[in-house]
Amino acid sequence: MATQELKDANGRLIGTIRNGSNGGLEIFDESGWLKGTYDPQSDQTKDSSERLVGTGNLLTTLL
C-alpha cells in the first residue's frame, strides 16, 4: 500500500495512510499533519507525540 485516502460519507478527504520509513504505517489529517504511527513488529499504535494509543492498528481512531 503506497497511499490510502480516507474520506467521509460526503466524499471529502479527511486523511491519508502512508507507508512509513520503518516499514510501519503513518496517518496524516487532511492538512498533512502527522497524527500517529503503527508499527507491525510491536503491533502498537502511537500518536504523534509517541504516546501509546493501544495494541493493533488503531490509526483511524486518531482522526
Protein backbone atom coordinates (compact mmCIF):
# COMPACT_ATOMS: atom_id res chain seq x y z
CA MET A 1 0.00 0.00 0.00
CA ALA A 2 1.56 3.26 -1.08
CA THR A 3 -1.12 5.77 0.00
CA GLN A 4 -4.68 5.16 1.12
CA GLU A 5 -7.10 8.08 1.10
CA LEU A 6 -9.73 8.20 3.85
CA LYS A 7 -12.96 10.02 3.02
CA ASP A 8 -16.14 10.84 4.92
CA ALA A 9 -19.66 9.93 3.79
CA ASN A 10 -19.77 13.02 1.52
CA GLY A 11 -16.55 12.07 -0.25
CA ARG A 12 -14.47 14.76 1.46
CA LEU A 13 -10.85 13.79 2.20
CA ILE A 14 -10.31 13.50 5.97
CA GLY A 15 -6.88 11.84 6.00
CA THR A 16 -4.34 9.56 4.37
CA ILE A 17 -2.42 6.49 5.47
CA ARG A 18 1.08 6.09 4.04
CA ASN A 19 3.94 3.63 4.35
CA GLY A 20 6.42 4.80 6.96
CA SER A 21 10.20 4.73 6.74
CA ASN A 22 10.50 1.88 9.28
CA GLY A 23 8.09 -0.47 7.48
CA GLY A 24 5.10 0.68 9.50
CA LEU A 25 2.23 2.99 8.65
CA GLU A 26 1.67 6.69 9.28
CA ILE A 27 -1.63 8.58 9.32
CA PHE A 28 -1.99 12.23 8.33
CA ASP A 29 -5.01 14.53 8.64
CA GLU A 30 -6.48 16.44 5.70
CA SER A 31 -3.95 19.26 6.23
CA GLY A 32 -0.99 16.88 6.08
CA TRP A 33 -0.19 16.87 9.80
CA LEU A 34 1.11 13.57 11.20
CA LYS A 35 -1.44 12.16 13.66
CA GLY A 36 0.20 8.83 14.54
CA THR A 37 2.08 5.69 13.55
CA TYR A 38 1.54 1.94 13.58
CA ASP A 39 4.46 -0.48 13.99
CA PRO A 40 3.53 -4.01 12.84
CA GLN A 41 6.56 -5.56 14.56
CA SER A 42 5.43 -4.43 18.02
CA ASP A 43 1.73 -4.36 16.96
CA GLN A 44 1.36 -0.93 18.61
CA THR A 45 -0.23 2.34 17.54
CA LYS A 46 1.25 5.59 18.86
CA ASP A 47 0.10 9.18 18.49
CA SER A 48 2.23 11.96 17.03
CA SER A 49 3.84 12.52 20.46
CA GLU A 50 4.90 8.83 20.61
CA ARG A 51 2.35 8.07 23.36
CA LEU A 52 0.92 4.56 23.19
CA VAL A 53 -2.66 4.53 21.90
CA GLY A 54 -3.11 0.76 22.04
CA THR A 55 -2.36 -2.66 20.60
CA GLY A 56 -3.17 -3.29 16.96
CA ASN A 57 -3.67 -0.91 14.05
CA LEU A 58 -5.78 1.89 15.57
CA LEU A 59 -4.69 4.66 13.18
CA THR A 60 -8.17 5.68 12.07
CA THR A 61 -9.16 6.41 15.68
CA LEU A 62 -6.63 9.27 15.65
CA LEU A 63 -8.55 11.34 13.07
